[in-house]
Amino acid sequence: MANDLTHGKVMQALDWAYDKAVNGVPGLDSAGEMADEYLAGNGTLEEKINSLIRWQNTKAGTSGFITGLGGIITMPVTIPANIASVMYVQIRMIAAIAKMCGQDLRSDRVRTLVYACLAGEAAKDILKDAGILVGTKLAMSAIKNISTKTITTINQRVGFRLLTKFGEKGVVNLVKIVPFVGGVVGGTVDAVTTNLIGNFARNTFIDCAELQAS
């Protein structure tokens, strides 16, 4: 079946979602625009990021928001729409957090760290194998020095991790599926999973921001 998931299709969806998150789509803010909006608010950087994460938890799964994803007209046809859409929602959140912490979203290394954050706590093991200790101020320093080959390896391992995750009883804990209506994706992003991913991304990129400021 065309919609059967493979590692290659997961990687395709990751790249598609990241490009759409960074470049924006009709009717939705890009990750950079969303980052600027929250940076303009009150509070510390961590408080602003927490506000962004709360927004994702409470509003990203509403029908109005998901309906907005109908503006994404180039969704990979070989990827189940519910998976592609939740990848987009969560990658945009992570990328916005990275931007808020001063990261260049055009950097392949930052893209890799964003992908890794999708794996949540499992990212620590994926990155540790590449010599990167997430949760320390050495994370971005190590990321900056890794080779293109290592970046590719990390991306592939994240893809396999997500393939396993999506394969557990469909897309358990990532998205609650409702029928496809009029070509528009319906669904609710799992708030618990989104919160865990957001918190992991916050801790990772705030460490990177503090390292750059030191």
C-alpha atoms as a PDB file:
ATOM      1  CA  MET A   1       0.000   0.000   0.000  1.00  0.00           C
ATOM      2  CA  ALA A   2       1.161   3.519  -0.821  1.00  0.00           C
ATOM      3  CA  ASN A   3       0.614   4.655   2.746  1.00  0.00           C
ATOM      4  CA  ASP A   4       2.677   1.873   4.334  1.00  0.00           C
ATOM      5  CA  LEU A   5       5.409   3.589   6.303  1.00  0.00           C
ATOM      6  CA  THR A   6       9.060   3.060   5.521  1.00  0.00           C
ATOM      7  CA  HIS A   7      12.183   4.737   6.861  1.00  0.00           C
ATOM      8  CA  GLY A   8      12.545   6.621   3.585  1.00  0.00           C
ATOM      9  CA  LYS A   9       9.022   7.981   3.803  1.00  0.00           C
ATOM     10  CA  VAL A  10       9.541   9.114   7.382  1.00  0.00           C
ATOM     11  CA  MET A  11      12.690  10.978   6.306  1.00  0.00           C
ATOM     12  CA  GLN A  12      10.774  12.535   3.431  1.00  0.00           C
ATOM     13  CA  ALA A  13       8.090  13.712   5.840  1.00  0.00           C
ATOM     14  CA  LEU A  14      10.694  15.151   8.242  1.00  0.00           C
ATOM     15  CA  ASP A  15      12.335  17.189   5.502  1.00  0.00           C
ATOM     16  CA  TRP A  16       8.976  18.332   4.158  1.00  0.00           C
ATOM     17  CA  ALA A  17       7.716  19.374   7.592  1.00  0.00           C
ATOM     18  CA  TYR A  18      10.912  21.257   8.437  1.00  0.00           C
ATOM     19  CA  ASP A  19      10.936  23.156   5.154  1.00  0.00           C
ATOM     20  CA  LYS A  20       7.297  24.143   5.594  1.00  0.00           C
ATOM     21  CA  ALA A  21       7.854  25.132   9.236  1.00  0.00           C
ATOM     22  CA  VAL A  22      10.813  27.370   8.351  1.00  0.00           C
ATOM     23  CA  ASN A  23       9.520  28.847   5.102  1.00  0.00           C
ATOM     24  CA  GLY A  24       5.894  29.129   6.152  1.00  0.00           C
ATOM     25  CA  VAL A  25       2.676  28.153   4.392  1.00  0.00           C
ATOM     26  CA  PRO A  26      -0.372  30.218   3.392  1.00  0.00           C
ATOM     27  CA  GLY A  27      -2.392  31.205   6.429  1.00  0.00           C
ATOM     28  CA  LEU A  28       0.111  30.056   9.060  1.00  0.00           C
ATOM     29  CA  ASP A  29       3.091  31.759  10.662  1.00  0.00           C
ATOM     30  CA  SER A  30       6.520  30.339  10.034  1.00  0.00           C
ATOM     31  CA  ALA A  31       8.576  29.114  12.974  1.00  0.00           C
ATOM     32  CA  GLY A  32      10.601  32.331  12.838  1.00  0.00           C
ATOM     33  CA  GLU A  33       7.506  34.536  12.878  1.00  0.00           C
ATOM     34  CA  MET A  34       6.047  32.592  15.772  1.00  0.00           C
ATOM     35  CA  ALA A  35       9.346  32.919  17.640  1.00  0.00           C
ATOM     36  CA  ASP A  36       9.373  36.699  17.133  1.00  0.00           C
ATOM     37  CA  GLU A  37       5.812  36.952  18.432  1.00  0.00           C
ATOM     38  CA  TYR A  38       6.633  35.181  21.676  1.00  0.00           C
ATOM     39  CA  LEU A  39       9.967  36.947  22.116  1.00  0.00           C
ATOM     40  CA  ALA A  40       8.061  40.230  22.106  1.00  0.00           C
ATOM     41  CA  GLY A  41       6.123  39.143  25.188  1.00  0.00           C
ATOM     42  CA  ASN A  42       6.972  39.688  28.822  1.00  0.00           C
ATOM     43  CA  GLY A  43       9.116  37.499  31.041  1.00  0.00           C
ATOM     44  CA  THR A  44      12.376  35.604  30.847  1.00  0.00           C
ATOM     45  CA  LEU A  45      13.355  33.574  27.801  1.00  0.00           C
ATOM     46  CA  GLU A  46      12.293  30.378  29.574  1.00  0.00           C
ATOM     47  CA  GLU A  47       8.928  31.875  30.503  1.00  0.00           C
ATOM     48  CA  LYS A  48       8.350  32.963  26.904  1.00  0.00           C
ATOM     49  CA  ILE A  49       9.191  29.477  25.632  1.00  0.00           C
ATOM     50  CA  ASN A  50       6.869  27.936  28.217  1.00  0.00           C
ATOM     51  CA  SER A  51       4.110  30.212  26.943  1.00  0.00           C
ATOM     52  CA  LEU A  52       4.723  28.945  23.424  1.00  0.00           C
ATOM     53  CA  ILE A  53       4.614  25.318  24.581  1.00  0.00           C
ATOM     54  CA  ARG A  54       1.355  25.928  26.466  1.00  0.00           C
ATOM     55  CA  TRP A  55      -0.152  27.420  23.322  1.00  0.00           C
ATOM     56  CA  GLN A  56       0.767  24.305  21.381  1.00  0.00           C
ATOM     57  CA  ASN A  57      -0.734  22.091  24.044  1.00  0.00           C
ATOM     58  CA  THR A  58      -4.054  23.925  24.220  1.00  0.00           C
ATOM     59  CA  LYS A  59      -4.609  25.183  20.684  1.00  0.00           C
ATOM     60  CA  ALA A  60      -2.568  23.162  18.209  1.00  0.00           C
ATOM     61  CA  GLY A  61      -5.043  20.315  18.347  1.00  0.00           C
ATOM     62  CA  THR A  62      -8.191  22.372  17.905  1.00  0.00           C
ATOM     63  CA  SER A  63     -10.250  21.899  14.785  1.00  0.00           C
ATOM     64  CA  GLY A  64      -9.636  25.492  13.716  1.00  0.00           C
ATOM     65  CA  PHE A  65      -5.887  25.100  13.803  1.00  0.00           C
ATOM     66  CA  ILE A  66      -5.830  21.742  12.064  1.00  0.00           C
ATOM     67  CA  THR A  67      -8.223  23.089   9.456  1.00  0.00           C
ATOM     68  CA  GLY A  68      -5.558  25.707   8.754  1.00  0.00           C
ATOM     69  CA  LEU A  69      -3.278  22.909   7.653  1.00  0.00           C
ATOM     70  CA  GLY A  70      -5.483  22.664   4.585  1.00  0.00           C
ATOM     71  CA  GLY A  71      -3.312  25.503   3.308  1.00  0.00           C
ATOM     72  CA  ILE A  72      -0.454  23.044   2.988  1.00  0.00           C
ATOM     73  CA  ILE A  73      -1.015  21.886  -0.560  1.00  0.00           C
ATOM     74  CA  THR A  74       2.217  20.021  -1.172  1.00  0.00           C
ATOM     75  CA  MET A  75       1.881  17.368   1.527  1.00  0.00           C
ATOM     76  CA  PRO A  76       3.791  14.217   0.553  1.00  0.00           C
ATOM     77  CA  VAL A  77       1.161  11.952  -0.973  1.00  0.00           C
ATOM     78  CA  THR A  78       2.941   8.797   0.176  1.00  0.00           C
ATOM     79  CA  ILE A  79       2.830   9.833   3.843  1.00  0.00           C
ATOM     80  CA  PRO A  80      -0.411   9.379   5.800  1.00  0.00           C
ATOM     81  CA  ALA A  81      -1.826  12.874   6.211  1.00  0.00           C
ATOM     82  CA  ASN A  82      -2.245  12.565   9.977  1.00  0.00           C
ATOM     83  CA  ILE A  83       1.451  11.735  10.410  1.00  0.00           C
ATOM     84  CA  ALA A  84       2.648  14.494   8.096  1.00  0.00           C
ATOM     85  CA  SER A  85       0.472  17.070   9.849  1.00  0.00           C
ATOM     86  CA  VAL A  86       1.561  16.187  13.379  1.00  0.00           C
ATOM     87  CA  MET A  87       5.196  16.233  12.264  1.00  0.00           C
ATOM     88  CA  TYR A  88       4.645  19.734  10.918  1.00  0.00           C
ATOM     89  CA  VAL A  89       2.968  20.977  14.118  1.00  0.00           C
ATOM     90  CA  GLN A  90       5.669  19.628  16.407  1.00  0.00           C
ATOM     91  CA  ILE A  91       8.645  20.538  14.206  1.00  0.00           C
ATOM     92  CA  ARG A  92       7.357  24.106  13.875  1.00  0.00           C
ATOM     93  CA  MET A  93       7.150  24.329  17.679  1.00  0.00           C
ATOM     94  CA  ILE A  94      10.696  22.982  18.138  1.00  0.00           C
ATOM     95  CA  ALA A  95      12.099  25.210  15.397  1.00  0.00           C
ATOM     96  CA  ALA A  96      10.429  28.256  16.961  1.00  0.00           C
ATOM     97  CA  ILE A  97      12.045  27.400  20.287  1.00  0.00           C
ATOM     98  CA  ALA A  98      15.419  27.051  18.555  1.00  0.00           C
ATOM     99  CA  LYS A  99      14.943  30.442  16.906  1.00  0.00           C
ATOM    100  CA  MET A 100      13.997  32.037  20.222  1.00  0.00           C
ATOM    101  CA  CYS A 101      17.304  30.759  21.577  1.00  0.00           C
ATOM    102  CA  GLY A 102      19.271  32.418  18.789  1.00  0.00           C
ATOM    103  CA  GLN A 103      19.748  29.473  16.440  1.00  0.00           C
ATOM    104  CA  ASP A 104      19.976  29.715  12.646  1.00  0.00           C
ATOM    105  CA  LEU A 105      17.185  27.555  11.260  1.00  0.00           C
ATOM    106  CA  ARG A 106      18.969  27.355   7.890  1.00  0.00           C
ATOM    107  CA  SER A 107      21.823  25.434   9.501  1.00  0.00           C
ATOM    108  CA  ASP A 108      21.897  21.701   8.790  1.00  0.00           C
ATOM    109  CA  ARG A 109      23.213  21.141  12.304  1.00  0.00           C
ATOM    110  CA  VAL A 110      20.319  22.998  13.896  1.00  0.00           C
ATOM    111  CA  ARG A 111      17.913  21.051  11.668  1.00  0.00           C
ATOM    112  CA  THR A 112      19.447  17.838  13.004  1.00  0.00           C
ATOM    113  CA  LEU A 113      18.984  18.958  16.612  1.00  0.00           C
ATOM    114  CA  VAL A 114      15.355  19.870  15.861  1.00  0.00           C
ATOM    115  CA  TYR A 115      14.782  16.410  14.404  1.00  0.00           C
ATOM    116  CA  ALA A 116      16.403  14.806  17.430  1.00  0.00           C
ATOM    117  CA  CYS A 117      14.078  16.683  19.790  1.00  0.00           C
ATOM    118  CA  LEU A 118      11.132  14.896  18.151  1.00  0.00           C
ATOM    119  CA  ALA A 119      12.416  11.709  19.766  1.00  0.00           C
ATOM    120  CA  GLY A 120      12.137  13.284  23.221  1.00  0.00           C
ATOM    121  CA  GLU A 121      14.263  11.659  25.893  1.00  0.00           C
ATOM    122  CA  ALA A 122      15.345   8.985  23.396  1.00  0.00           C
ATOM    123  CA  ALA A 123      17.290  11.731  21.629  1.00  0.00           C
ATOM    124  CA  LYS A 124      19.852  11.602  24.419  1.00  0.00           C
ATOM    125  CA  ASP A 125      20.892   8.104  23.406  1.00  0.00           C
ATOM    126  CA  ILE A 126      20.863   8.947  19.697  1.00  0.00           C
ATOM    127  CA  LEU A 127      23.083  11.988  20.195  1.00  0.00           C
ATOM    128  CA  LYS A 128      25.265  10.364  22.837  1.00  0.00           C
ATOM    129  CA  ASP A 129      26.393   7.838  20.245  1.00  0.00           C
ATOM    130  CA  ALA A 130      27.616  10.818  18.207  1.00  0.00           C
ATOM    131  CA  GLY A 131      29.486  12.249  21.187  1.00  0.00           C
ATOM    132  CA  ILE A 132      26.891  14.898  22.035  1.00  0.00           C
ATOM    133  CA  LEU A 133      25.601  15.111  25.602  1.00  0.00           C
ATOM    134  CA  VAL A 134      22.207  16.793  25.454  1.00  0.00           C
ATOM    135  CA  GLY A 135      21.296  18.674  28.589  1.00  0.00           C
ATOM    136  CA  THR A 136      24.776  20.146  28.971  1.00  0.00           C
ATOM    137  CA  LYS A 137      26.165  23.404  27.682  1.00  0.00           C
ATOM    138  CA  LEU A 138      28.464  21.411  25.430  1.00  0.00           C
ATOM    139  CA  ALA A 139      25.601  20.293  23.196  1.00  0.00           C
ATOM    140  CA  MET A 140      25.770  23.036  20.573  1.00  0.00           C
ATOM    141  CA  SER A 141      29.551  23.159  20.714  1.00  0.00           C
ATOM    142  CA  ALA A 142      29.621  19.480  19.818  1.00  0.00           C
ATOM    143  CA  ILE A 143      26.938  19.910  17.153  1.00  0.00           C
ATOM    144  CA  LYS A 144      28.969  22.642  15.460  1.00  0.00           C
ATOM    145  CA  ASN A 145      31.960  20.354  15.112  1.00  0.00           C
ATOM    146  CA  ILE A 146      30.322  17.201  13.811  1.00  0.00           C
ATOM    147  CA  SER A 147      30.774  16.097  10.210  1.00  0.00           C
ATOM    148  CA  THR A 148      28.152  15.974   7.489  1.00  0.00           C
ATOM    149  CA  LYS A 149      28.354  12.187   7.656  1.00  0.00           C
ATOM    150  CA  THR A 150      27.556  12.220  11.371  1.00  0.00           C
ATOM    151  CA  ILE A 151      24.648  14.608  10.791  1.00  0.00           C
ATOM    152  CA  THR A 152      23.246  12.171   8.239  1.00  0.00           C
ATOM    153  CA  THR A 153      23.675   9.280  10.673  1.00  0.00           C
ATOM    154  CA  ILE A 154      21.843  11.131  13.466  1.00  0.00           C
ATOM    155  CA  ASN A 155      18.999  12.047  11.098  1.00  0.00           C
ATOM    156  CA  GLN A 156      18.661   8.437   9.989  1.00  0.00           C
ATOM    157  CA  ARG A 157      18.552   7.173  13.576  1.00  0.00           C
ATOM    158  CA  VAL A 158      15.845   9.693  14.423  1.00  0.00           C
ATOM    159  CA  GLY A 159      13.923   8.457  11.381  1.00  0.00           C
ATOM    160  CA  PHE A 160      14.120   4.851  12.569  1.00  0.00           C
ATOM    161  CA  ARG A 161      13.019   5.899  16.048  1.00  0.00           C
ATOM    162  CA  LEU A 162       9.977   7.713  14.655  1.00  0.00           C
ATOM    163  CA  LEU A 163       9.170   4.824  12.329  1.00  0.00           C
ATOM    164  CA  THR A 164       9.014   2.548  15.372  1.00  0.00           C
ATOM    165  CA  LYS A 165       6.920   5.105  17.264  1.00  0.00           C
ATOM    166  CA  PHE A 166       4.449   5.557  14.439  1.00  0.00           C
ATOM    167  CA  GLY A 167       4.253   1.821  13.973  1.00  0.00           C
ATOM    168  CA  GLU A 168       2.999   1.180  17.491  1.00  0.00           C
ATOM    169  CA  LYS A 169      -0.732   0.657  16.951  1.00  0.00           C
ATOM    170  CA  GLY A 170      -0.786   3.237  14.206  1.00  0.00           C
ATOM    171  CA  VAL A 171       0.337   6.560  15.635  1.00  0.00           C
ATOM    172  CA  VAL A 172      -0.403   6.020  19.294  1.00  0.00           C
ATOM    173  CA  ASN A 173       0.424   8.922  21.623  1.00  0.00           C
ATOM    174  CA  LEU A 174       1.196  11.213  18.704  1.00  0.00           C
ATOM    175  CA  VAL A 175      -2.108  12.004  17.066  1.00  0.00           C
ATOM    176  CA  LYS A 176      -5.753  11.107  17.449  1.00  0.00           C
ATOM    177  CA  ILE A 177      -7.119  10.529  14.003  1.00  0.00           C
ATOM    178  CA  VAL A 178     -10.483  11.776  12.771  1.00  0.00           C
ATOM    179  CA  PRO A 179     -11.709  11.298   9.214  1.00  0.00           C
ATOM    180  CA  PHE A 180     -10.312  13.161   6.244  1.00  0.00           C
ATOM    181  CA  VAL A 181     -13.010  15.647   5.228  1.00  0.00           C
ATOM    182  CA  GLY A 182     -12.853  17.727   2.076  1.00  0.00           C
ATOM    183  CA  GLY A 183      -9.110  17.307   1.752  1.00  0.00           C
ATOM    184  CA  VAL A 184      -8.552  18.951   5.137  1.00  0.00           C
ATOM    185  CA  VAL A 185      -6.698  17.131   7.872  1.00  0.00           C
ATOM    186  CA  GLY A 186      -8.659  16.746  11.087  1.00  0.00           C
ATOM    187  CA  GLY A 187      -7.158  15.613  14.347  1.00  0.00           C
ATOM    188  CA  THR A 188      -5.848  16.450  17.755  1.00  0.00           C
ATOM    189  CA  VAL A 189      -2.180  16.570  18.586  1.00  0.00           C
ATOM    190  CA  ASP A 190      -1.567  14.591  21.734  1.00  0.00           C
ATOM    191  CA  ALA A 191      -1.000  17.271  24.367  1.00  0.00           C
ATOM    192  CA  VAL A 192       1.107  15.089  26.633  1.00  0.00           C
ATOM    193  CA  THR A 193       3.543  14.115  23.881  1.00  0.00           C
ATOM    194  CA  THR A 194       3.722  17.672  22.565  1.00  0.00           C
ATOM    195  CA  ASN A 195       4.449  18.950  26.062  1.00  0.00           C
ATOM    196  CA  LEU A 196       7.254  16.428  26.594  1.00  0.00           C
ATOM    197  CA  ILE A 197       8.827  17.270  23.232  1.00  0.00           C
ATOM    198  CA  GLY A 198       8.493  20.996  23.905  1.00  0.00           C
ATOM    199  CA  ASN A 199      10.117  20.715  27.316  1.00  0.00           C
ATOM    200  CA  PHE A 200      13.002  18.679  25.906  1.00  0.00           C
ATOM    201  CA  ALA A 201      13.531  21.234  23.122  1.00  0.00           C
ATOM    202  CA  ARG A 202      13.411  24.113  25.625  1.00  0.00           C
ATOM    203  CA  ASN A 203      16.053  22.569  27.853  1.00  0.00           C
ATOM    204  CA  THR A 204      18.274  21.689  24.896  1.00  0.00           C
ATOM    205  CA  PHE A 205      18.194  25.048  23.143  1.00  0.00           C
ATOM    206  CA  ILE A 206      18.299  27.173  26.288  1.00  0.00           C
ATOM    207  CA  ASP A 207      21.559  25.399  27.140  1.00  0.00           C
ATOM    208  CA  CYS A 208      22.796  26.324  23.672  1.00  0.00           C
ATOM    209  CA  ALA A 209      21.740  29.961  24.153  1.00  0.00           C
ATOM    210  CA  GLU A 210      23.536  30.167  27.496  1.00  0.00           C
ATOM    211  CA  LEU A 211      26.674  28.708  25.940  1.00  0.00           C
ATOM    212  CA  GLN A 212      26.647  31.329  23.191  1.00  0.00           C
ATOM    213  CA  ALA A 213      26.163  34.121  25.725  1.00  0.00           C
ATOM    214  CA  SER A 214      29.035  32.975  27.933  1.00  0.00           C
END
